[in-house]
Amino acid sequence: MSLPPSMIEKSALRRMLLNARHAIGPSQKSEWDAAIAAQLEQRLQAQPVETLGVFWPIRGEPDLLALYERLAAAGIALALPVVAGKARPLEFAAWKPGDSMINDAFGVPTPAEKRLVALPQALLVPCVGFNAGNFRLGYGGGFYDRTLAVSPRPLTLGIAYSCQAIEFTPGPRDIALDHIVTERL
């Protein structure tokens, strides 16, 4: 079975962008993570939320765990995504720094105690890549797109490094994010 050209292109883009992200040196990554965290704190002060969906950093994604501690201390209820099934939207489990974690079927840390909560008011969405239209290139499972197809949908902040900006044509099921936050934007 052959893949449609758009899938081949996105697959190649993912590999290229993941390789580039893994090539970022530790000190540069740490500096960029701090810059992203500072920008997120400013945005959340200007546009406060009571609940925030966050992500656990995997595969070289920006590490915002220190920010999550500050947000939880400020009273923002945090939740981590949970994969509920292959073709289903994400669910969210209440989480706070220090909670016990286990790896899910994909090897992603999730809360050991799954206290499912409603879809948060805002989501931090990790990006493998992104384009000028705020469309996200993820890992290819479509979980975030299915999650964002609901109404009303939460505020979405894509999280990426500026070197992950790349032009690609979004697919018919892709949903643009509200904003992309990088170390520069």
N, C-alpha and C. Protein backbone atom coordinates (compact mmCIF):
# COMPACT_ATOMS: atom_id res chain seq x y z
N MET A 1 0.85 -1.17 0.00
CA MET A 1 0.00 0.00 0.00
C MET A 1 0.89 1.24 0.00
N SER A 2 0.65 2.15 -0.89
CA SER A 2 1.47 3.37 -0.94
C SER A 2 0.75 4.50 -0.22
N LEU A 3 1.55 5.39 0.37
CA LEU A 3 1.00 6.54 1.09
C LEU A 3 0.75 7.69 0.14
N PRO A 4 -0.26 8.53 0.40
CA PRO A 4 -0.47 9.71 -0.42
C PRO A 4 0.73 10.65 -0.30
N PRO A 5 1.02 11.44 -1.35
CA PRO A 5 2.20 12.32 -1.32
C PRO A 5 2.26 13.22 -0.10
N SER A 6 1.11 13.75 0.37
CA SER A 6 1.14 14.64 1.52
C SER A 6 1.61 13.92 2.77
N MET A 7 1.28 12.62 2.91
CA MET A 7 1.72 11.85 4.07
C MET A 7 3.22 11.59 4.00
N ILE A 8 3.72 11.31 2.80
CA ILE A 8 5.16 11.08 2.63
C ILE A 8 5.90 12.36 2.98
N GLU A 9 5.40 13.50 2.48
CA GLU A 9 6.04 14.77 2.75
C GLU A 9 6.06 15.06 4.25
N LYS A 10 4.94 14.89 4.92
CA LYS A 10 4.89 15.15 6.36
C LYS A 10 5.79 14.19 7.13
N SER A 11 5.85 12.96 6.71
CA SER A 11 6.71 11.98 7.37
C SER A 11 8.18 12.41 7.26
N ALA A 12 8.58 12.84 6.09
CA ALA A 12 9.96 13.30 5.88
C ALA A 12 10.23 14.58 6.68
N LEU A 13 9.25 15.48 6.72
CA LEU A 13 9.41 16.71 7.51
C LEU A 13 9.58 16.37 8.99
N ARG A 14 8.77 15.45 9.48
CA ARG A 14 8.88 15.05 10.89
C ARG A 14 10.29 14.55 11.21
N ARG A 15 10.79 13.65 10.38
CA ARG A 15 12.14 13.11 10.62
C ARG A 15 13.17 14.22 10.64
N MET A 16 13.10 15.12 9.66
CA MET A 16 14.06 16.22 9.56
C MET A 16 13.97 17.13 10.80
N LEU A 17 12.73 17.48 11.20
CA LEU A 17 12.55 18.38 12.33
C LEU A 17 12.94 17.73 13.65
N LEU A 18 12.64 16.46 13.81
CA LEU A 18 13.05 15.76 15.03
C LEU A 18 14.57 15.66 15.12
N ASN A 19 15.22 15.39 14.01
CA ASN A 19 16.69 15.35 14.00
C ASN A 19 17.27 16.71 14.36
N ALA A 20 16.68 17.77 13.82
CA ALA A 20 17.16 19.13 14.12
C ALA A 20 16.95 19.45 15.60
N ARG A 21 15.81 19.05 16.14
CA ARG A 21 15.53 19.33 17.55
C ARG A 21 16.50 18.57 18.45
N HIS A 22 16.79 17.33 18.10
CA HIS A 22 17.73 16.54 18.90
C HIS A 22 19.15 17.07 18.81
N ALA A 23 19.46 17.85 17.78
CA ALA A 23 20.80 18.40 17.61
C ALA A 23 21.03 19.67 18.43
N ILE A 24 19.98 20.21 19.05
CA ILE A 24 20.14 21.41 19.87
C ILE A 24 20.95 21.04 21.11
N GLY A 25 22.00 21.79 21.35
CA GLY A 25 22.86 21.52 22.51
C GLY A 25 22.15 21.77 23.82
N PRO A 26 22.58 21.08 24.88
CA PRO A 26 21.89 21.20 26.18
C PRO A 26 21.83 22.63 26.73
N SER A 27 22.90 23.39 26.63
CA SER A 27 22.86 24.75 27.18
C SER A 27 21.94 25.64 26.34
N GLN A 28 21.97 25.48 25.02
CA GLN A 28 21.06 26.25 24.16
C GLN A 28 19.61 25.89 24.45
N LYS A 29 19.36 24.59 24.59
CA LYS A 29 18.00 24.11 24.88
C LYS A 29 17.51 24.69 26.21
N SER A 30 18.35 24.66 27.22
CA SER A 30 17.98 25.19 28.52
C SER A 30 17.64 26.68 28.44
N GLU A 31 18.44 27.42 27.69
CA GLU A 31 18.20 28.86 27.52
C GLU A 31 16.87 29.09 26.79
N TRP A 32 16.64 28.33 25.72
CA TRP A 32 15.39 28.48 24.96
C TRP A 32 14.18 28.07 25.78
N ASP A 33 14.31 27.00 26.57
CA ASP A 33 13.20 26.57 27.43
C ASP A 33 12.82 27.67 28.41
N ALA A 34 13.82 28.33 29.00
CA ALA A 34 13.57 29.42 29.94
C ALA A 34 12.87 30.59 29.24
N ALA A 35 13.27 30.88 28.00
CA ALA A 35 12.64 31.98 27.25
C ALA A 35 11.18 31.65 26.92
N ILE A 36 10.92 30.40 26.55
CA ILE A 36 9.54 29.98 26.27
C ILE A 36 8.71 30.08 27.55
N ALA A 37 9.25 29.62 28.66
CA ALA A 37 8.54 29.67 29.94
C ALA A 37 8.21 31.11 30.32
N ALA A 38 9.17 32.02 30.14
CA ALA A 38 8.93 33.43 30.48
C ALA A 38 7.80 34.02 29.63
N GLN A 39 7.80 33.69 28.35
CA GLN A 39 6.73 34.19 27.49
C GLN A 39 5.37 33.61 27.87
N LEU A 40 5.36 32.34 28.22
CA LEU A 40 4.10 31.72 28.65
C LEU A 40 3.58 32.36 29.93
N GLU A 41 4.47 32.63 30.87
CA GLU A 41 4.04 33.27 32.12
C GLU A 41 3.42 34.63 31.82
N GLN A 42 4.02 35.40 30.92
CA GLN A 42 3.48 36.71 30.55
C GLN A 42 2.10 36.57 29.92
N ARG A 43 1.96 35.61 29.01
CA ARG A 43 0.66 35.40 28.35
C ARG A 43 -0.41 34.99 29.35
N LEU A 44 -0.05 34.11 30.27
CA LEU A 44 -1.03 33.63 31.25
C LEU A 44 -1.35 34.68 32.30
N GLN A 45 -0.47 35.63 32.53
CA GLN A 45 -0.80 36.76 33.41
C GLN A 45 -1.76 37.71 32.69
N ALA A 46 -1.53 37.91 31.40
CA ALA A 46 -2.39 38.80 30.61
C ALA A 46 -3.75 38.16 30.32
N GLN A 47 -3.77 36.85 30.18
CA GLN A 47 -4.99 36.11 29.87
C GLN A 47 -5.09 34.93 30.83
N PRO A 48 -5.49 35.20 32.09
CA PRO A 48 -5.49 34.15 33.12
C PRO A 48 -6.47 33.01 32.81
N VAL A 49 -6.08 31.82 33.24
CA VAL A 49 -6.94 30.64 33.15
C VAL A 49 -6.93 29.94 34.49
N GLU A 50 -7.99 29.20 34.76
CA GLU A 50 -8.06 28.42 36.00
C GLU A 50 -7.54 27.01 35.77
N THR A 51 -7.69 26.50 34.53
CA THR A 51 -7.24 25.14 34.20
C THR A 51 -6.37 25.19 32.95
N LEU A 52 -5.31 24.41 32.96
CA LEU A 52 -4.36 24.42 31.86
C LEU A 52 -3.90 23.00 31.56
N GLY A 53 -4.07 22.60 30.32
CA GLY A 53 -3.52 21.33 29.86
C GLY A 53 -2.07 21.53 29.49
N VAL A 54 -1.20 20.72 30.04
CA VAL A 54 0.23 20.82 29.80
C VAL A 54 0.71 19.51 29.18
N PHE A 55 1.97 19.40 28.89
CA PHE A 55 2.52 18.16 28.33
C PHE A 55 3.81 17.82 29.04
N TRP A 56 4.08 16.53 29.12
CA TRP A 56 5.34 16.06 29.68
C TRP A 56 6.35 16.05 28.54
N PRO A 57 7.52 16.65 28.70
CA PRO A 57 8.48 16.75 27.59
C PRO A 57 9.08 15.40 27.19
N ILE A 58 8.89 15.03 25.94
CA ILE A 58 9.47 13.81 25.39
C ILE A 58 10.17 14.16 24.08
N ARG A 59 11.07 13.32 23.66
CA ARG A 59 11.72 13.41 22.35
C ARG A 59 12.28 14.80 22.05
N GLY A 60 12.87 15.45 23.06
CA GLY A 60 13.52 16.75 22.86
C GLY A 60 12.57 17.94 22.89
N GLU A 61 11.30 17.73 23.27
CA GLU A 61 10.36 18.86 23.36
C GLU A 61 10.83 19.85 24.42
N PRO A 62 10.39 21.11 24.33
CA PRO A 62 10.74 22.06 25.38
C PRO A 62 10.34 21.54 26.76
N ASP A 63 11.27 21.66 27.70
CA ASP A 63 11.05 21.20 29.07
C ASP A 63 10.55 22.37 29.90
N LEU A 64 9.27 22.33 30.24
CA LEU A 64 8.63 23.41 30.99
C LEU A 64 8.22 22.97 32.39
N LEU A 65 8.84 21.91 32.90
CA LEU A 65 8.46 21.37 34.20
C LEU A 65 8.61 22.39 35.33
N ALA A 66 9.66 23.22 35.30
CA ALA A 66 9.84 24.25 36.34
C ALA A 66 8.71 25.28 36.26
N LEU A 67 8.28 25.62 35.06
CA LEU A 67 7.15 26.54 34.89
C LEU A 67 5.88 25.92 35.48
N TYR A 68 5.67 24.64 35.23
CA TYR A 68 4.47 23.98 35.76
C TYR A 68 4.43 24.07 37.28
N GLU A 69 5.58 23.97 37.93
CA GLU A 69 5.62 24.09 39.39
C GLU A 69 5.16 25.48 39.83
N ARG A 70 5.63 26.51 39.12
CA ARG A 70 5.24 27.88 39.46
C ARG A 70 3.74 28.09 39.21
N LEU A 71 3.23 27.56 38.10
CA LEU A 71 1.81 27.72 37.79
C LEU A 71 0.94 27.02 38.83
N ALA A 72 1.33 25.81 39.22
CA ALA A 72 0.56 25.07 40.23
C ALA A 72 0.59 25.83 41.56
N ALA A 73 1.75 26.38 41.92
CA ALA A 73 1.87 27.16 43.16
C ALA A 73 1.00 28.41 43.11
N ALA A 74 0.76 28.93 41.90
CA ALA A 74 -0.09 30.11 41.73
C ALA A 74 -1.58 29.76 41.71
N GLY A 75 -1.90 28.46 41.81
CA GLY A 75 -3.29 28.05 41.89
C GLY A 75 -3.93 27.61 40.58
N ILE A 76 -3.15 27.49 39.53
CA ILE A 76 -3.71 27.00 38.26
C ILE A 76 -3.76 25.48 38.31
N ALA A 77 -4.94 24.92 38.03
CA ALA A 77 -5.11 23.47 38.01
C ALA A 77 -4.52 22.94 36.70
N LEU A 78 -3.57 22.02 36.80
CA LEU A 78 -2.90 21.46 35.63
C LEU A 78 -3.47 20.08 35.31
N ALA A 79 -3.38 19.73 34.03
CA ALA A 79 -3.82 18.40 33.59
C ALA A 79 -2.91 17.94 32.47
N LEU A 80 -2.61 16.65 32.47
CA LEU A 80 -1.80 16.04 31.42
C LEU A 80 -2.69 15.24 30.48
N PRO A 81 -2.34 15.20 29.18
CA PRO A 81 -3.14 14.43 28.23
C PRO A 81 -2.99 12.93 28.45
N VAL A 82 -4.08 12.23 28.17
CA VAL A 82 -4.11 10.78 28.28
C VAL A 82 -4.71 10.25 26.99
N VAL A 83 -4.03 9.33 26.34
CA VAL A 83 -4.55 8.71 25.12
C VAL A 83 -5.62 7.70 25.53
N ALA A 84 -6.85 7.95 25.06
CA ALA A 84 -7.99 7.10 25.43
C ALA A 84 -8.22 5.98 24.42
N GLY A 85 -7.67 6.11 23.24
CA GLY A 85 -7.83 5.12 22.20
C GLY A 85 -7.29 5.65 20.89
N LYS A 86 -7.03 4.75 19.95
CA LYS A 86 -6.35 5.12 18.71
C LYS A 86 -7.04 6.24 17.93
N ALA A 87 -8.33 6.20 17.77
CA ALA A 87 -9.02 7.20 16.95
C ALA A 87 -9.89 8.13 17.79
N ARG A 88 -9.50 8.32 19.04
CA ARG A 88 -10.31 9.14 19.94
C ARG A 88 -9.57 10.41 20.33
N PRO A 89 -10.31 11.43 20.75
CA PRO A 89 -9.65 12.63 21.27
C PRO A 89 -8.92 12.32 22.57
N LEU A 90 -8.02 13.19 22.94
CA LEU A 90 -7.32 13.04 24.21
C LEU A 90 -8.27 13.28 25.38
N GLU A 91 -7.99 12.62 26.47
CA GLU A 91 -8.63 12.94 27.74
C GLU A 91 -7.57 13.62 28.58
N PHE A 92 -7.98 14.25 29.67
CA PHE A 92 -7.02 14.95 30.52
C PHE A 92 -7.16 14.49 31.95
N ALA A 93 -6.02 14.24 32.59
CA ALA A 93 -5.98 13.79 33.98
C ALA A 93 -5.37 14.89 34.84
N ALA A 94 -6.01 15.17 35.95
CA ALA A 94 -5.48 16.15 36.90
C ALA A 94 -4.07 15.74 37.28
N TRP A 95 -3.20 16.73 37.39
CA TRP A 95 -1.80 16.46 37.72
C TRP A 95 -1.20 17.66 38.41
N LYS A 96 -0.32 17.41 39.33
CA LYS A 96 0.49 18.47 39.92
C LYS A 96 1.91 17.95 40.07
N PRO A 97 2.88 18.84 40.00
CA PRO A 97 4.26 18.40 40.16
C PRO A 97 4.44 17.59 41.44
N GLY A 98 5.14 16.48 41.30
CA GLY A 98 5.37 15.59 42.43
C GLY A 98 4.45 14.39 42.45
N ASP A 99 3.36 14.43 41.66
CA ASP A 99 2.48 13.27 41.59
C ASP A 99 3.23 12.07 41.03
N SER A 100 2.83 10.89 41.46
CA SER A 100 3.41 9.65 40.95
C SER A 100 3.04 9.48 39.47
N MET A 101 4.02 9.02 38.68
CA MET A 101 3.82 8.88 37.23
C MET A 101 4.10 7.45 36.80
N ILE A 102 3.43 7.05 35.70
CA ILE A 102 3.70 5.78 35.03
C ILE A 102 3.76 6.06 33.53
N ASN A 103 4.39 5.18 32.78
CA ASN A 103 4.44 5.35 31.33
C ASN A 103 3.22 4.69 30.69
N ASP A 104 2.63 5.40 29.71
CA ASP A 104 1.50 4.82 28.98
C ASP A 104 2.02 3.88 27.89
N ALA A 105 1.14 3.40 27.04
CA ALA A 105 1.51 2.45 25.98
C ALA A 105 2.51 3.04 24.99
N PHE A 106 2.57 4.38 24.90
CA PHE A 106 3.50 5.04 23.99
C PHE A 106 4.81 5.40 24.69
N GLY A 107 4.92 5.06 25.98
CA GLY A 107 6.12 5.38 26.74
C GLY A 107 6.12 6.80 27.30
N VAL A 108 4.97 7.47 27.27
CA VAL A 108 4.86 8.84 27.76
C VAL A 108 4.42 8.82 29.22
N PRO A 109 5.14 9.54 30.08
CA PRO A 109 4.72 9.60 31.49
C PRO A 109 3.33 10.23 31.63
N THR A 110 2.48 9.57 32.42
CA THR A 110 1.15 10.06 32.73
C THR A 110 0.91 9.85 34.22
N PRO A 111 -0.05 10.57 34.79
CA PRO A 111 -0.32 10.38 36.22
C PRO A 111 -0.68 8.93 36.53
N ALA A 112 -0.10 8.38 37.58
CA ALA A 112 -0.40 7.00 37.98
C ALA A 112 -1.87 6.87 38.38
N GLU A 113 -2.38 7.91 39.03
CA GLU A 113 -3.80 7.93 39.39
C GLU A 113 -4.52 8.81 38.37
N LYS A 114 -5.33 8.18 37.53
CA LYS A 114 -6.01 8.91 36.45
C LYS A 114 -7.31 9.53 36.97
N ARG A 115 -7.22 10.76 37.45
CA ARG A 115 -8.40 11.52 37.85
C ARG A 115 -8.78 12.39 36.66
N LEU A 116 -9.66 11.87 35.80
CA LEU A 116 -10.02 12.59 34.58
C LEU A 116 -10.79 13.86 34.92
N VAL A 117 -10.49 14.91 34.16
CA VAL A 117 -11.13 16.22 34.34
C VAL A 117 -11.68 16.68 33.00
N ALA A 118 -12.49 17.72 33.04
CA ALA A 118 -13.02 18.31 31.81
C ALA A 118 -11.88 18.91 30.99
N LEU A 119 -12.14 19.10 29.72
CA LEU A 119 -11.15 19.73 28.84
C LEU A 119 -10.74 21.08 29.44
N PRO A 120 -9.44 21.30 29.67
CA PRO A 120 -8.99 22.57 30.28
C PRO A 120 -9.33 23.79 29.42
N GLN A 121 -9.31 24.97 30.07
CA GLN A 121 -9.60 26.22 29.37
C GLN A 121 -8.56 26.53 28.30
N ALA A 122 -7.34 26.12 28.54
CA ALA A 122 -6.24 26.37 27.59
C ALA A 122 -5.35 25.14 27.56
N LEU A 123 -4.71 24.95 26.42
CA LEU A 123 -3.80 23.82 26.23
C LEU A 123 -2.45 24.29 25.72
N LEU A 124 -1.40 23.77 26.31
CA LEU A 124 -0.06 23.91 25.74
C LEU A 124 0.12 22.68 24.86
N VAL A 125 0.37 22.91 23.58
CA VAL A 125 0.40 21.82 22.61
C VAL A 125 1.80 21.72 22.02
N PRO A 126 2.51 20.62 22.27
CA PRO A 126 3.86 20.48 21.72
C PRO A 126 3.81 20.30 20.21
N CYS A 127 4.77 20.93 19.53
CA CYS A 127 4.82 20.86 18.07
C CYS A 127 6.13 20.25 17.61
N VAL A 128 6.06 19.34 16.66
CA VAL A 128 7.26 18.89 15.96
C VAL A 128 7.66 19.98 14.98
N GLY A 129 6.68 20.60 14.35
CA GLY A 129 6.88 21.72 13.44
C GLY A 129 5.61 22.56 13.40
N PHE A 130 5.73 23.72 12.80
CA PHE A 130 4.57 24.60 12.66
C PHE A 130 4.78 25.49 11.44
N ASN A 131 3.67 25.99 10.88
CA ASN A 131 3.78 26.87 9.72
C ASN A 131 3.24 28.26 10.06
N ALA A 132 3.30 29.15 9.09
CA ALA A 132 2.88 30.54 9.29
C ALA A 132 1.39 30.67 9.60
N GLY A 133 0.60 29.68 9.26
CA GLY A 133 -0.83 29.70 9.55
C GLY A 133 -1.17 29.11 10.91
N ASN A 134 -0.15 28.84 11.74
CA ASN A 134 -0.31 28.25 13.07
C ASN A 134 -0.81 26.81 13.03
N PHE A 135 -0.60 26.15 11.89
CA PHE A 135 -0.90 24.72 11.83
C PHE A 135 0.29 23.97 12.41
N ARG A 136 -0.02 22.93 13.13
CA ARG A 136 0.97 22.15 13.85
C ARG A 136 1.27 20.87 13.11
N LEU A 137 2.52 20.52 13.07
CA LEU A 137 2.94 19.20 12.63
C LEU A 137 3.30 18.45 13.90
N GLY A 138 2.56 17.38 14.18
CA GLY A 138 2.81 16.59 15.38
C GLY A 138 3.46 15.27 15.01
N TYR A 139 3.24 14.27 15.82
CA TYR A 139 3.84 12.96 15.59
C TYR A 139 3.03 12.11 14.61
N GLY A 140 1.85 12.59 14.20
CA GLY A 140 1.10 11.89 13.17
C GLY A 140 -0.10 11.10 13.65
N GLY A 141 -0.38 11.10 14.95
CA GLY A 141 -1.52 10.33 15.46
C GLY A 141 -2.85 11.05 15.37
N GLY A 142 -2.84 12.38 15.21
CA GLY A 142 -4.07 13.15 15.10
C GLY A 142 -4.80 13.37 16.41
N PHE A 143 -4.18 13.04 17.55
CA PHE A 143 -4.87 13.14 18.83
C PHE A 143 -5.27 14.58 19.17
N TYR A 144 -4.35 15.53 18.98
CA TYR A 144 -4.69 16.91 19.30
C TYR A 144 -5.74 17.46 18.33
N ASP A 145 -5.65 17.13 17.05
CA ASP A 145 -6.66 17.61 16.10
C ASP A 145 -8.05 17.10 16.46
N ARG A 146 -8.16 15.83 16.84
CA ARG A 146 -9.47 15.30 17.27
C ARG A 146 -9.94 16.00 18.54
N THR A 147 -9.02 16.30 19.42
CA THR A 147 -9.37 16.97 20.67
C THR A 147 -9.87 18.39 20.40
N LEU A 148 -9.24 19.07 19.45
CA LEU A 148 -9.61 20.47 19.16
C LEU A 148 -10.82 20.59 18.25
N ALA A 149 -11.35 19.49 17.77
CA ALA A 149 -12.53 19.53 16.89
C ALA A 149 -13.81 19.76 17.69
N VAL A 150 -13.70 19.79 19.03
CA VAL A 150 -14.88 19.99 19.87
C VAL A 150 -15.24 21.47 19.93
N SER A 151 -16.45 21.74 20.38
CA SER A 151 -16.89 23.12 20.55
C SER A 151 -17.57 23.24 21.91
N PRO A 152 -17.27 24.22 22.70
CA PRO A 152 -16.25 25.24 22.45
C PRO A 152 -14.85 24.64 22.69
N ARG A 153 -13.93 25.13 21.91
CA ARG A 153 -12.59 24.58 22.05
C ARG A 153 -11.75 25.49 22.94
N PRO A 154 -10.75 24.92 23.59
CA PRO A 154 -9.91 25.72 24.48
C PRO A 154 -8.95 26.62 23.69
N LEU A 155 -8.41 27.60 24.38
CA LEU A 155 -7.32 28.41 23.85
C LEU A 155 -6.14 27.47 23.64
N THR A 156 -5.47 27.57 22.50
CA THR A 156 -4.36 26.67 22.21
C THR A 156 -3.07 27.46 21.97
N LEU A 157 -2.04 27.06 22.69
CA LEU A 157 -0.72 27.66 22.56
C LEU A 157 0.24 26.57 22.12
N GLY A 158 0.65 26.62 20.86
CA GLY A 158 1.62 25.67 20.35
C GLY A 158 2.99 26.00 20.93
N ILE A 159 3.73 24.99 21.33
CA ILE A 159 5.04 25.18 21.95
C ILE A 159 6.09 24.52 21.07
N ALA A 160 7.07 25.33 20.65
CA ALA A 160 8.11 24.83 19.76
C ALA A 160 9.32 25.75 19.82
N TYR A 161 10.40 25.31 19.24
CA TYR A 161 11.56 26.17 19.03
C TYR A 161 11.40 26.83 17.66
N SER A 162 11.91 28.03 17.51
CA SER A 162 11.74 28.76 16.25
C SER A 162 12.35 28.01 15.07
N CYS A 163 13.34 27.17 15.30
CA CYS A 163 13.95 26.40 14.21
C CYS A 163 13.01 25.32 13.68
N GLN A 164 11.85 25.15 14.30
CA GLN A 164 10.88 24.16 13.85
C GLN A 164 9.83 24.77 12.91
N ALA A 165 9.98 26.06 12.59
CA ALA A 165 9.08 26.69 11.62
C ALA A 165 9.40 26.15 10.24
N ILE A 166 8.37 25.70 9.54
CA ILE A 166 8.57 25.12 8.21
C ILE A 166 7.25 25.21 7.45
N GLU A 167 7.33 25.41 6.18
CA GLU A 167 6.10 25.48 5.39
C GLU A 167 5.66 24.09 4.98
N PHE A 168 4.39 23.83 5.17
CA PHE A 168 3.76 22.60 4.73
C PHE A 168 2.28 22.89 4.54
N THR A 169 1.64 22.07 3.75
CA THR A 169 0.21 22.22 3.50
C THR A 169 -0.55 21.39 4.52
N PRO A 170 -1.42 22.05 5.30
CA PRO A 170 -2.17 21.27 6.29
C PRO A 170 -3.17 20.34 5.61
N GLY A 171 -3.48 19.25 6.30
CA GLY A 171 -4.46 18.30 5.80
C GLY A 171 -5.87 18.77 6.12
N PRO A 172 -6.86 18.10 5.58
CA PRO A 172 -8.25 18.52 5.79
C PRO A 172 -8.72 18.40 7.24
N ARG A 173 -8.10 17.58 8.04
CA ARG A 173 -8.50 17.43 9.44
C ARG A 173 -7.61 18.22 10.39
N ASP A 174 -6.58 18.88 9.87
CA ASP A 174 -5.68 19.66 10.71
C ASP A 174 -6.39 20.92 11.19
N ILE A 175 -6.16 21.29 12.42
CA ILE A 175 -6.79 22.45 13.04
C ILE A 175 -5.70 23.42 13.48
N ALA A 176 -5.82 24.67 13.06
CA ALA A 176 -4.83 25.69 13.42
C ALA A 176 -4.90 25.98 14.92
N LEU A 177 -3.75 26.26 15.49
CA LEU A 177 -3.66 26.66 16.89
C LEU A 177 -3.87 28.17 16.98
N ASP A 178 -4.20 28.66 18.17
CA ASP A 178 -4.42 30.10 18.33
C ASP A 178 -3.11 30.88 18.26
N HIS A 179 -2.07 30.37 18.88
CA HIS A 179 -0.77 31.04 18.90
C HIS A 179 0.33 29.98 18.93
N ILE A 180 1.48 30.35 18.44
CA ILE A 180 2.68 29.53 18.58
C ILE A 180 3.65 30.31 19.46
N VAL A 181 4.16 29.67 20.48
CA VAL A 181 5.12 30.31 21.38
C VAL A 181 6.46 29.61 21.19
N THR A 182 7.46 30.39 20.84
CA THR A 182 8.83 29.88 20.72
C THR A 182 9.72 30.74 21.62
N GLU A 183 10.99 30.48 21.58
CA GLU A 183 11.92 31.29 22.35
C GLU A 183 12.01 32.71 21.80
N ARG A 184 11.52 32.93 20.60
CA ARG A 184 11.58 34.26 19.97
C ARG A 184 10.24 34.99 19.94
N LEU A 185 9.13 34.29 19.95
CA LEU A 185 7.82 34.93 19.77
C LEU A 185 7.10 35.10 21.08
